[in-house]
Amino acid sequence: MARISLIEPAQASAEVKEIYDSKLKGKPGNIQKALAHRPAVLGNFLGFYASVGRSLDRKLYEAVYLRVSLINGCHYCTQHHIQGAKRAGLTPDQMKALKAGDYKGLGASEQAALHYAEKLTRTPDAANDANFAELKKHFSDEQIVDLHMLIGLANLTNRVTGPMALEVEFPEEKI
């Protein structure tokens, strides 16, 4: 059970209801219902979330988000990104490999991004010139910025949903 109240659409203020209806098609998830206590944060978060990672391939985006969530043990985000990964074309075997930290079945660019995501998640201050040299073999500067923001976004949401004990809104799946 969530550690704070969640603002359901029927109880939402006019400002929050507008955000729910316009940006979430009337179907907010539990993270949005929690953030609704701060309507400005909710609105800005949704805009930020929608803008991050757009220069990256969707399959890579989901693989990175899922891997970071698995490393952090974030059940809520893992469940959401299992769904996203399936829609993006990741196979069950690829998701099992991600869970195990085995990237061999993926391409060189995906491997570079996932190794870097793992490094930043586990030791954020350890990024070095060699890491960037490897990323630059596969990604433009725009994509490297997007990758950094995606890794940061995943870590941020992991650290919001977990401690708030937000529950998944749909039937859960195992990898």
N, C-alpha and C. Protein backbone atom coordinates (compact mmCIF):
# COMPACT_ATOMS: atom_id res chain seq x y z
N MET A 1 0.84 -1.18 0.00
CA MET A 1 0.00 0.00 0.00
C MET A 1 0.89 1.24 0.00
N ALA A 2 0.51 2.21 -0.80
CA ALA A 2 1.30 3.44 -0.92
C ALA A 2 1.40 4.14 0.43
N ARG A 3 2.53 4.77 0.65
CA ARG A 3 2.78 5.44 1.92
C ARG A 3 2.19 6.84 1.98
N ILE A 4 1.73 7.33 0.85
CA ILE A 4 1.01 8.61 0.82
C ILE A 4 -0.29 8.38 0.06
N SER A 5 -1.24 9.28 0.23
CA SER A 5 -2.50 9.14 -0.50
C SER A 5 -2.26 9.40 -1.98
N LEU A 6 -3.05 8.73 -2.80
CA LEU A 6 -2.98 8.91 -4.24
C LEU A 6 -4.23 9.67 -4.67
N ILE A 7 -4.03 10.68 -5.50
CA ILE A 7 -5.16 11.52 -5.91
C ILE A 7 -5.82 10.91 -7.12
N GLU A 8 -6.99 10.35 -6.89
CA GLU A 8 -7.78 9.73 -7.95
C GLU A 8 -8.44 10.82 -8.79
N PRO A 9 -8.77 10.52 -10.03
CA PRO A 9 -9.40 11.53 -10.89
C PRO A 9 -10.65 12.16 -10.28
N ALA A 10 -11.47 11.39 -9.59
CA ALA A 10 -12.71 11.94 -9.01
C ALA A 10 -12.43 12.95 -7.90
N GLN A 11 -11.27 12.84 -7.24
CA GLN A 11 -10.92 13.77 -6.16
C GLN A 11 -9.95 14.86 -6.60
N ALA A 12 -9.55 14.85 -7.84
CA ALA A 12 -8.53 15.79 -8.32
C ALA A 12 -9.07 17.21 -8.43
N SER A 13 -8.18 18.15 -8.15
CA SER A 13 -8.51 19.56 -8.37
C SER A 13 -8.69 19.79 -9.87
N ALA A 14 -9.24 20.92 -10.23
CA ALA A 14 -9.43 21.23 -11.65
C ALA A 14 -8.09 21.22 -12.40
N GLU A 15 -7.05 21.76 -11.76
CA GLU A 15 -5.72 21.80 -12.38
C GLU A 15 -5.18 20.39 -12.64
N VAL A 16 -5.31 19.52 -11.65
CA VAL A 16 -4.83 18.15 -11.79
C VAL A 16 -5.70 17.38 -12.78
N LYS A 17 -7.00 17.59 -12.71
CA LYS A 17 -7.92 16.91 -13.65
C LYS A 17 -7.56 17.27 -15.09
N GLU A 18 -7.21 18.52 -15.33
CA GLU A 18 -6.79 18.95 -16.67
C GLU A 18 -5.54 18.21 -17.12
N ILE A 19 -4.58 18.06 -16.22
CA ILE A 19 -3.35 17.31 -16.54
C ILE A 19 -3.69 15.85 -16.81
N TYR A 20 -4.49 15.26 -15.93
CA TYR A 20 -4.89 13.86 -16.12
C TYR A 20 -5.55 13.68 -17.49
N ASP A 21 -6.48 14.57 -17.81
CA ASP A 21 -7.24 14.42 -19.07
C ASP A 21 -6.40 14.73 -20.31
N SER A 22 -5.61 15.80 -20.25
CA SER A 22 -4.89 16.22 -21.45
C SER A 22 -3.62 15.42 -21.71
N LYS A 23 -2.87 15.13 -20.66
CA LYS A 23 -1.58 14.46 -20.86
C LYS A 23 -1.63 12.96 -20.61
N LEU A 24 -2.63 12.50 -19.88
CA LEU A 24 -2.69 11.08 -19.51
C LEU A 24 -3.96 10.40 -19.99
N LYS A 25 -4.70 11.07 -20.84
CA LYS A 25 -5.93 10.52 -21.42
C LYS A 25 -6.89 10.01 -20.35
N GLY A 26 -6.90 10.68 -19.19
CA GLY A 26 -7.80 10.32 -18.11
C GLY A 26 -7.41 9.09 -17.33
N LYS A 27 -6.20 8.55 -17.59
CA LYS A 27 -5.77 7.30 -16.94
C LYS A 27 -4.42 7.46 -16.27
N PRO A 28 -4.36 8.20 -15.16
CA PRO A 28 -3.07 8.36 -14.47
C PRO A 28 -2.64 7.07 -13.81
N GLY A 29 -1.33 6.85 -13.80
CA GLY A 29 -0.76 5.75 -13.04
C GLY A 29 -0.52 6.20 -11.61
N ASN A 30 -0.08 5.29 -10.79
CA ASN A 30 0.11 5.63 -9.38
C ASN A 30 1.20 6.67 -9.16
N ILE A 31 2.24 6.69 -10.00
CA ILE A 31 3.25 7.73 -9.82
C ILE A 31 2.65 9.11 -10.10
N GLN A 32 1.80 9.20 -11.12
CA GLN A 32 1.17 10.48 -11.41
C GLN A 32 0.19 10.88 -10.30
N LYS A 33 -0.51 9.90 -9.75
CA LYS A 33 -1.45 10.18 -8.65
C LYS A 33 -0.70 10.65 -7.40
N ALA A 34 0.51 10.16 -7.19
CA ALA A 34 1.31 10.63 -6.06
C ALA A 34 1.84 12.03 -6.32
N LEU A 35 2.37 12.25 -7.53
CA LEU A 35 2.91 13.58 -7.87
C LEU A 35 1.83 14.64 -7.93
N ALA A 36 0.58 14.23 -8.07
CA ALA A 36 -0.53 15.19 -8.16
C ALA A 36 -0.68 16.04 -6.91
N HIS A 37 -0.06 15.65 -5.82
CA HIS A 37 -0.05 16.50 -4.63
C HIS A 37 0.66 17.82 -4.93
N ARG A 38 1.51 17.81 -5.95
CA ARG A 38 2.22 19.00 -6.41
C ARG A 38 1.94 19.15 -7.90
N PRO A 39 0.82 19.79 -8.27
CA PRO A 39 0.43 19.88 -9.68
C PRO A 39 1.52 20.43 -10.61
N ALA A 40 2.27 21.42 -10.17
CA ALA A 40 3.33 21.97 -11.02
C ALA A 40 4.41 20.92 -11.27
N VAL A 41 4.76 20.17 -10.23
CA VAL A 41 5.76 19.11 -10.38
C VAL A 41 5.23 18.05 -11.34
N LEU A 42 3.98 17.65 -11.18
CA LEU A 42 3.38 16.65 -12.06
C LEU A 42 3.43 17.11 -13.51
N GLY A 43 2.99 18.31 -13.79
CA GLY A 43 2.99 18.82 -15.16
C GLY A 43 4.38 18.91 -15.75
N ASN A 44 5.32 19.42 -14.97
CA ASN A 44 6.70 19.53 -15.46
C ASN A 44 7.36 18.16 -15.61
N PHE A 45 7.08 17.26 -14.67
CA PHE A 45 7.64 15.91 -14.75
C PHE A 45 7.16 15.21 -16.02
N LEU A 46 5.88 15.31 -16.33
CA LEU A 46 5.35 14.64 -17.52
C LEU A 46 5.99 15.19 -18.79
N GLY A 47 6.20 16.49 -18.86
CA GLY A 47 6.87 17.08 -20.02
C GLY A 47 8.31 16.61 -20.12
N PHE A 48 9.00 16.59 -19.00
CA PHE A 48 10.39 16.13 -18.97
C PHE A 48 10.46 14.66 -19.36
N TYR A 49 9.63 13.83 -18.76
CA TYR A 49 9.62 12.40 -19.03
C TYR A 49 9.39 12.13 -20.51
N ALA A 50 8.47 12.86 -21.10
CA ALA A 50 8.15 12.67 -22.53
C ALA A 50 9.29 13.11 -23.44
N SER A 51 10.16 13.99 -22.97
CA SER A 51 11.21 14.53 -23.84
C SER A 51 12.51 13.73 -23.79
N VAL A 52 12.72 12.96 -22.73
CA VAL A 52 13.98 12.26 -22.53
C VAL A 52 14.07 11.01 -23.41
N GLY A 53 15.21 10.83 -24.02
CA GLY A 53 15.50 9.60 -24.76
C GLY A 53 14.96 9.53 -26.16
N ARG A 54 14.41 10.61 -26.66
CA ARG A 54 13.75 10.56 -27.96
C ARG A 54 14.71 10.43 -29.14
N SER A 55 15.98 10.68 -28.94
CA SER A 55 16.94 10.48 -30.04
C SER A 55 17.47 9.05 -30.07
N LEU A 56 17.06 8.25 -29.09
CA LEU A 56 17.52 6.87 -29.00
C LEU A 56 16.47 5.92 -29.58
N ASP A 57 16.94 4.80 -30.08
CA ASP A 57 16.05 3.74 -30.54
C ASP A 57 15.17 3.30 -29.37
N ARG A 58 13.91 3.04 -29.64
CA ARG A 58 12.96 2.71 -28.57
C ARG A 58 13.35 1.42 -27.83
N LYS A 59 13.86 0.45 -28.56
CA LYS A 59 14.28 -0.80 -27.93
C LYS A 59 15.44 -0.54 -26.96
N LEU A 60 16.38 0.30 -27.36
CA LEU A 60 17.49 0.66 -26.48
C LEU A 60 16.97 1.42 -25.26
N TYR A 61 16.09 2.38 -25.49
CA TYR A 61 15.49 3.16 -24.41
C TYR A 61 14.92 2.21 -23.34
N GLU A 62 14.11 1.27 -23.78
CA GLU A 62 13.46 0.37 -22.83
C GLU A 62 14.46 -0.57 -22.17
N ALA A 63 15.46 -1.03 -22.91
CA ALA A 63 16.48 -1.91 -22.33
C ALA A 63 17.24 -1.17 -21.23
N VAL A 64 17.62 0.08 -21.48
CA VAL A 64 18.34 0.87 -20.47
C VAL A 64 17.47 1.11 -19.26
N TYR A 65 16.24 1.55 -19.47
CA TYR A 65 15.34 1.85 -18.35
C TYR A 65 15.10 0.59 -17.53
N LEU A 66 14.85 -0.52 -18.22
CA LEU A 66 14.60 -1.78 -17.52
C LEU A 66 15.84 -2.22 -16.73
N ARG A 67 17.02 -2.14 -17.34
CA ARG A 67 18.24 -2.57 -16.64
C ARG A 67 18.51 -1.73 -15.41
N VAL A 68 18.37 -0.41 -15.53
CA VAL A 68 18.58 0.46 -14.37
C VAL A 68 17.58 0.11 -13.26
N SER A 69 16.34 -0.12 -13.63
CA SER A 69 15.31 -0.46 -12.63
C SER A 69 15.60 -1.81 -11.97
N LEU A 70 16.10 -2.76 -12.75
CA LEU A 70 16.48 -4.06 -12.18
C LEU A 70 17.65 -3.92 -11.21
N ILE A 71 18.65 -3.15 -11.59
CA ILE A 71 19.80 -2.93 -10.71
C ILE A 71 19.35 -2.31 -9.39
N ASN A 72 18.46 -1.34 -9.49
CA ASN A 72 17.99 -0.63 -8.29
C ASN A 72 16.93 -1.39 -7.52
N GLY A 73 16.45 -2.50 -8.07
CA GLY A 73 15.41 -3.27 -7.38
C GLY A 73 14.08 -2.55 -7.32
N CYS A 74 13.79 -1.72 -8.32
CA CYS A 74 12.54 -0.96 -8.32
C CYS A 74 11.45 -1.79 -9.00
N HIS A 75 10.62 -2.38 -8.19
CA HIS A 75 9.57 -3.27 -8.70
C HIS A 75 8.59 -2.52 -9.60
N TYR A 76 8.14 -1.34 -9.17
CA TYR A 76 7.16 -0.57 -9.94
C TYR A 76 7.69 -0.24 -11.33
N CYS A 77 8.88 0.32 -11.40
CA CYS A 77 9.44 0.71 -12.71
C CYS A 77 9.79 -0.52 -13.54
N THR A 78 10.28 -1.58 -12.90
CA THR A 78 10.57 -2.81 -13.63
C THR A 78 9.31 -3.32 -14.31
N GLN A 79 8.21 -3.38 -13.58
CA GLN A 79 6.96 -3.88 -14.17
C GLN A 79 6.50 -3.00 -15.33
N HIS A 80 6.59 -1.70 -15.17
CA HIS A 80 6.18 -0.80 -16.25
C HIS A 80 7.07 -0.97 -17.48
N HIS A 81 8.35 -1.18 -17.26
CA HIS A 81 9.27 -1.26 -18.40
C HIS A 81 9.42 -2.67 -18.96
N ILE A 82 8.93 -3.68 -18.27
CA ILE A 82 8.74 -4.98 -18.91
C ILE A 82 7.70 -4.80 -20.02
N GLN A 83 6.65 -4.10 -19.70
CA GLN A 83 5.59 -3.86 -20.70
C GLN A 83 6.13 -3.04 -21.88
N GLY A 84 6.86 -1.98 -21.58
CA GLY A 84 7.44 -1.15 -22.63
C GLY A 84 8.45 -1.92 -23.47
N ALA A 85 9.25 -2.76 -22.82
CA ALA A 85 10.25 -3.55 -23.54
C ALA A 85 9.58 -4.53 -24.49
N LYS A 86 8.50 -5.14 -24.05
CA LYS A 86 7.77 -6.05 -24.94
C LYS A 86 7.23 -5.30 -26.16
N ARG A 87 6.65 -4.13 -25.93
CA ARG A 87 6.13 -3.33 -27.05
C ARG A 87 7.24 -2.90 -28.01
N ALA A 88 8.44 -2.67 -27.47
CA ALA A 88 9.58 -2.22 -28.28
C ALA A 88 10.28 -3.38 -29.00
N GLY A 89 9.90 -4.62 -28.68
CA GLY A 89 10.46 -5.76 -29.39
C GLY A 89 11.51 -6.57 -28.65
N LEU A 90 11.75 -6.28 -27.39
CA LEU A 90 12.66 -7.14 -26.62
C LEU A 90 11.98 -8.47 -26.35
N THR A 91 12.71 -9.54 -26.53
CA THR A 91 12.18 -10.88 -26.33
C THR A 91 12.30 -11.26 -24.85
N PRO A 92 11.54 -12.28 -24.42
CA PRO A 92 11.70 -12.76 -23.04
C PRO A 92 13.14 -13.17 -22.73
N ASP A 93 13.82 -13.81 -23.70
CA ASP A 93 15.22 -14.20 -23.47
C ASP A 93 16.12 -12.97 -23.31
N GLN A 94 15.88 -11.93 -24.09
CA GLN A 94 16.68 -10.71 -23.95
C GLN A 94 16.44 -10.05 -22.59
N MET A 95 15.19 -10.09 -22.12
CA MET A 95 14.90 -9.52 -20.80
C MET A 95 15.55 -10.34 -19.70
N LYS A 96 15.57 -11.66 -19.84
CA LYS A 96 16.27 -12.51 -18.86
C LYS A 96 17.76 -12.18 -18.85
N ALA A 97 18.32 -11.98 -20.03
CA ALA A 97 19.74 -11.63 -20.12
C ALA A 97 19.99 -10.27 -19.47
N LEU A 98 19.11 -9.30 -19.70
CA LEU A 98 19.25 -8.00 -19.05
C LEU A 98 19.23 -8.14 -17.53
N LYS A 99 18.32 -8.95 -17.05
CA LYS A 99 18.22 -9.16 -15.61
C LYS A 99 19.53 -9.71 -15.05
N ALA A 100 20.17 -10.59 -15.82
CA ALA A 100 21.43 -11.20 -15.40
C ALA A 100 22.64 -10.31 -15.69
N GLY A 101 22.44 -9.18 -16.37
CA GLY A 101 23.57 -8.31 -16.72
C GLY A 101 24.38 -8.87 -17.87
N ASP A 102 23.77 -9.70 -18.69
CA ASP A 102 24.43 -10.32 -19.84
C ASP A 102 23.94 -9.64 -21.11
N TYR A 103 24.81 -8.87 -21.73
CA TYR A 103 24.42 -8.08 -22.90
C TYR A 103 24.93 -8.66 -24.21
N LYS A 104 25.52 -9.87 -24.17
CA LYS A 104 26.15 -10.45 -25.36
C LYS A 104 25.19 -10.63 -26.53
N GLY A 105 23.92 -10.86 -26.28
CA GLY A 105 22.96 -11.08 -27.35
C GLY A 105 22.49 -9.81 -28.02
N LEU A 106 23.02 -8.68 -27.62
CA LEU A 106 22.63 -7.39 -28.19
C LEU A 106 23.76 -6.85 -29.05
N GLY A 107 23.46 -5.84 -29.85
CA GLY A 107 24.46 -5.22 -30.70
C GLY A 107 25.48 -4.42 -29.92
N ALA A 108 26.53 -4.03 -30.61
CA ALA A 108 27.64 -3.31 -29.97
C ALA A 108 27.19 -1.99 -29.34
N SER A 109 26.31 -1.26 -30.01
CA SER A 109 25.86 0.03 -29.44
C SER A 109 25.01 -0.21 -28.20
N GLU A 110 24.15 -1.21 -28.24
CA GLU A 110 23.33 -1.52 -27.07
C GLU A 110 24.21 -1.95 -25.90
N GLN A 111 25.22 -2.78 -26.21
CA GLN A 111 26.13 -3.23 -25.15
C GLN A 111 26.85 -2.04 -24.51
N ALA A 112 27.33 -1.13 -25.35
CA ALA A 112 28.04 0.05 -24.82
C ALA A 112 27.13 0.87 -23.93
N ALA A 113 25.91 1.11 -24.38
CA ALA A 113 24.96 1.90 -23.60
C ALA A 113 24.60 1.22 -22.29
N LEU A 114 24.38 -0.09 -22.33
CA LEU A 114 23.99 -0.81 -21.11
C LEU A 114 25.15 -0.93 -20.12
N HIS A 115 26.36 -1.15 -20.60
CA HIS A 115 27.51 -1.16 -19.68
C HIS A 115 27.66 0.21 -19.02
N TYR A 116 27.47 1.26 -19.80
CA TYR A 116 27.59 2.60 -19.25
C TYR A 116 26.46 2.89 -18.26
N ALA A 117 25.24 2.49 -18.60
CA ALA A 117 24.10 2.69 -17.69
C ALA A 117 24.34 1.97 -16.37
N GLU A 118 24.87 0.78 -16.45
CA GLU A 118 25.17 0.02 -15.24
C GLU A 118 26.24 0.73 -14.41
N LYS A 119 27.27 1.21 -15.08
CA LYS A 119 28.35 1.91 -14.37
C LYS A 119 27.81 3.16 -13.68
N LEU A 120 27.03 3.96 -14.40
CA LEU A 120 26.50 5.20 -13.80
C LEU A 120 25.53 4.92 -12.66
N THR A 121 24.78 3.84 -12.78
CA THR A 121 23.83 3.51 -11.72
C THR A 121 24.55 3.02 -10.47
N ARG A 122 25.56 2.21 -10.66
CA ARG A 122 26.27 1.64 -9.51
C ARG A 122 27.31 2.60 -8.91
N THR A 123 28.01 3.35 -9.77
CA THR A 123 29.08 4.25 -9.31
C THR A 123 29.01 5.54 -10.12
N PRO A 124 28.08 6.43 -9.80
CA PRO A 124 27.83 7.61 -10.64
C PRO A 124 29.03 8.51 -10.87
N ASP A 125 29.98 8.52 -9.96
CA ASP A 125 31.14 9.40 -10.10
C ASP A 125 32.29 8.74 -10.85
N ALA A 126 32.09 7.55 -11.37
CA ALA A 126 33.19 6.80 -11.98
C ALA A 126 33.31 6.97 -13.49
N ALA A 127 32.45 7.76 -14.11
CA ALA A 127 32.54 7.97 -15.56
C ALA A 127 33.89 8.58 -15.90
N ASN A 128 34.49 8.11 -17.00
CA ASN A 128 35.80 8.62 -17.38
C ASN A 128 35.90 8.80 -18.89
N ASP A 129 37.03 9.30 -19.34
CA ASP A 129 37.23 9.57 -20.77
C ASP A 129 37.09 8.31 -21.61
N ALA A 130 37.56 7.18 -21.10
CA ALA A 130 37.46 5.92 -21.86
C ALA A 130 36.00 5.54 -22.07
N ASN A 131 35.15 5.79 -21.07
CA ASN A 131 33.72 5.51 -21.23
C ASN A 131 33.13 6.35 -22.36
N PHE A 132 33.49 7.62 -22.38
CA PHE A 132 32.97 8.51 -23.43
C PHE A 132 33.52 8.14 -24.80
N ALA A 133 34.76 7.73 -24.85
CA ALA A 133 35.34 7.30 -26.13
C ALA A 133 34.55 6.12 -26.68
N GLU A 134 34.19 5.19 -25.82
CA GLU A 134 33.40 4.03 -26.26
C GLU A 134 32.01 4.46 -26.72
N LEU A 135 31.37 5.34 -25.95
CA LEU A 135 30.03 5.81 -26.35
C LEU A 135 30.08 6.53 -27.69
N LYS A 136 31.13 7.33 -27.92
CA LYS A 136 31.24 8.11 -29.16
C LYS A 136 31.44 7.23 -30.40
N LYS A 137 31.84 5.98 -30.21
CA LYS A 137 31.92 5.06 -31.34
C LYS A 137 30.54 4.71 -31.88
N HIS A 138 29.52 4.88 -31.06
CA HIS A 138 28.18 4.41 -31.40
C HIS A 138 27.11 5.50 -31.42
N PHE A 139 27.37 6.60 -30.73
CA PHE A 139 26.32 7.59 -30.52
C PHE A 139 26.82 9.01 -30.79
N SER A 140 25.92 9.85 -31.26
CA SER A 140 26.21 11.27 -31.42
C SER A 140 26.20 11.94 -30.04
N ASP A 141 26.69 13.16 -29.99
CA ASP A 141 26.65 13.90 -28.72
C ASP A 141 25.21 14.06 -28.24
N GLU A 142 24.28 14.32 -29.16
CA GLU A 142 22.86 14.44 -28.79
C GLU A 142 22.38 13.15 -28.13
N GLN A 143 22.74 12.03 -28.71
CA GLN A 143 22.31 10.75 -28.15
C GLN A 143 22.98 10.46 -26.81
N ILE A 144 24.23 10.88 -26.65
CA ILE A 144 24.92 10.69 -25.37
C ILE A 144 24.24 11.52 -24.28
N VAL A 145 23.85 12.74 -24.60
CA VAL A 145 23.10 13.55 -23.63
C VAL A 145 21.79 12.85 -23.29
N ASP A 146 21.08 12.36 -24.31
CA ASP A 146 19.82 11.67 -24.07
C ASP A 146 20.03 10.42 -23.22
N LEU A 147 21.08 9.68 -23.49
CA LEU A 147 21.38 8.49 -22.70
C LEU A 147 21.61 8.85 -21.24
N HIS A 148 22.38 9.91 -20.99
CA HIS A 148 22.61 10.36 -19.62
C HIS A 148 21.31 10.76 -18.94
N MET A 149 20.49 11.50 -19.65
CA MET A 149 19.23 11.94 -19.06
C MET A 149 18.31 10.75 -18.80
N LEU A 150 18.33 9.76 -19.68
CA LEU A 150 17.52 8.56 -19.49
C LEU A 150 17.98 7.78 -18.25
N ILE A 151 19.26 7.60 -18.12
CA ILE A 151 19.80 6.91 -16.94
C ILE A 151 19.42 7.67 -15.67
N GLY A 152 19.56 8.99 -15.71
CA GLY A 152 19.17 9.81 -14.56
C GLY A 152 17.68 9.74 -14.28
N LEU A 153 16.87 9.77 -15.32
CA LEU A 153 15.42 9.68 -15.16
C LEU A 153 15.03 8.35 -14.54
N ALA A 154 15.61 7.27 -15.03
CA ALA A 154 15.30 5.95 -14.47
C ALA A 154 15.68 5.89 -13.00
N ASN A 155 16.87 6.38 -12.66
CA ASN A 155 17.29 6.40 -11.26
C ASN A 155 16.37 7.27 -10.42
N LEU A 156 15.95 8.40 -10.95
CA LEU A 156 15.03 9.29 -10.22
C LEU A 156 13.70 8.59 -9.95
N THR A 157 13.08 8.04 -10.98
CA THR A 157 11.78 7.41 -10.77
C THR A 157 11.90 6.19 -9.86
N ASN A 158 13.02 5.46 -9.96
CA ASN A 158 13.24 4.32 -9.06
C ASN A 158 13.25 4.78 -7.61
N ARG A 159 13.82 5.96 -7.38
CA ARG A 159 13.96 6.44 -6.01
C ARG A 159 12.72 7.19 -5.51
N VAL A 160 11.75 7.37 -6.38
CA VAL A 160 10.47 7.95 -5.98
C VAL A 160 9.46 6.84 -5.73
N THR A 161 9.31 5.95 -6.70
CA THR A 161 8.24 4.94 -6.62
C THR A 161 8.51 3.90 -5.53
N GLY A 162 9.77 3.48 -5.38
CA GLY A 162 10.09 2.47 -4.38
C GLY A 162 9.82 2.94 -2.95
N PRO A 163 10.47 4.02 -2.52
CA PRO A 163 10.24 4.46 -1.14
C PRO A 163 8.79 4.86 -0.83
N MET A 164 8.05 5.31 -1.85
CA MET A 164 6.65 5.63 -1.63
C MET A 164 5.76 4.39 -1.62
N ALA A 165 6.36 3.23 -1.94
CA ALA A 165 5.65 1.94 -1.97
C ALA A 165 4.47 1.98 -2.93
N LEU A 166 4.70 2.56 -4.10
CA LEU A 166 3.64 2.61 -5.11
C LEU A 166 3.42 1.22 -5.69
N GLU A 167 2.17 0.85 -5.82
CA GLU A 167 1.80 -0.46 -6.33
C GLU A 167 1.60 -0.40 -7.84
N VAL A 168 1.87 -1.51 -8.48
CA VAL A 168 1.67 -1.65 -9.92
C VAL A 168 0.17 -1.71 -10.19
N GLU A 169 -0.26 -1.08 -11.26
CA GLU A 169 -1.68 -0.92 -11.57
C GLU A 169 -2.25 -2.02 -12.46
N PHE A 170 -1.48 -3.03 -12.78
CA PHE A 170 -1.90 -4.07 -13.72
C PHE A 170 -1.30 -5.40 -13.27
N PRO A 171 -1.74 -6.49 -13.86
CA PRO A 171 -1.17 -7.79 -13.47
C PRO A 171 0.34 -7.83 -13.71
N GLU A 172 1.06 -8.31 -12.73
CA GLU A 172 2.52 -8.32 -12.79
C GLU A 172 3.06 -9.50 -13.59
N GLU A 173 4.26 -9.31 -14.13
CA GLU A 173 4.95 -10.36 -14.90
C GLU A 173 6.33 -10.58 -14.32
N LYS A 174 6.78 -11.78 -14.42
CA LYS A 174 8.15 -12.10 -14.03
C LYS A 174 9.02 -12.15 -15.27
N ILE A 175 10.29 -11.85 -15.09
CA ILE A 175 11.24 -11.99 -16.21
C ILE A 175 11.82 -13.39 -16.10
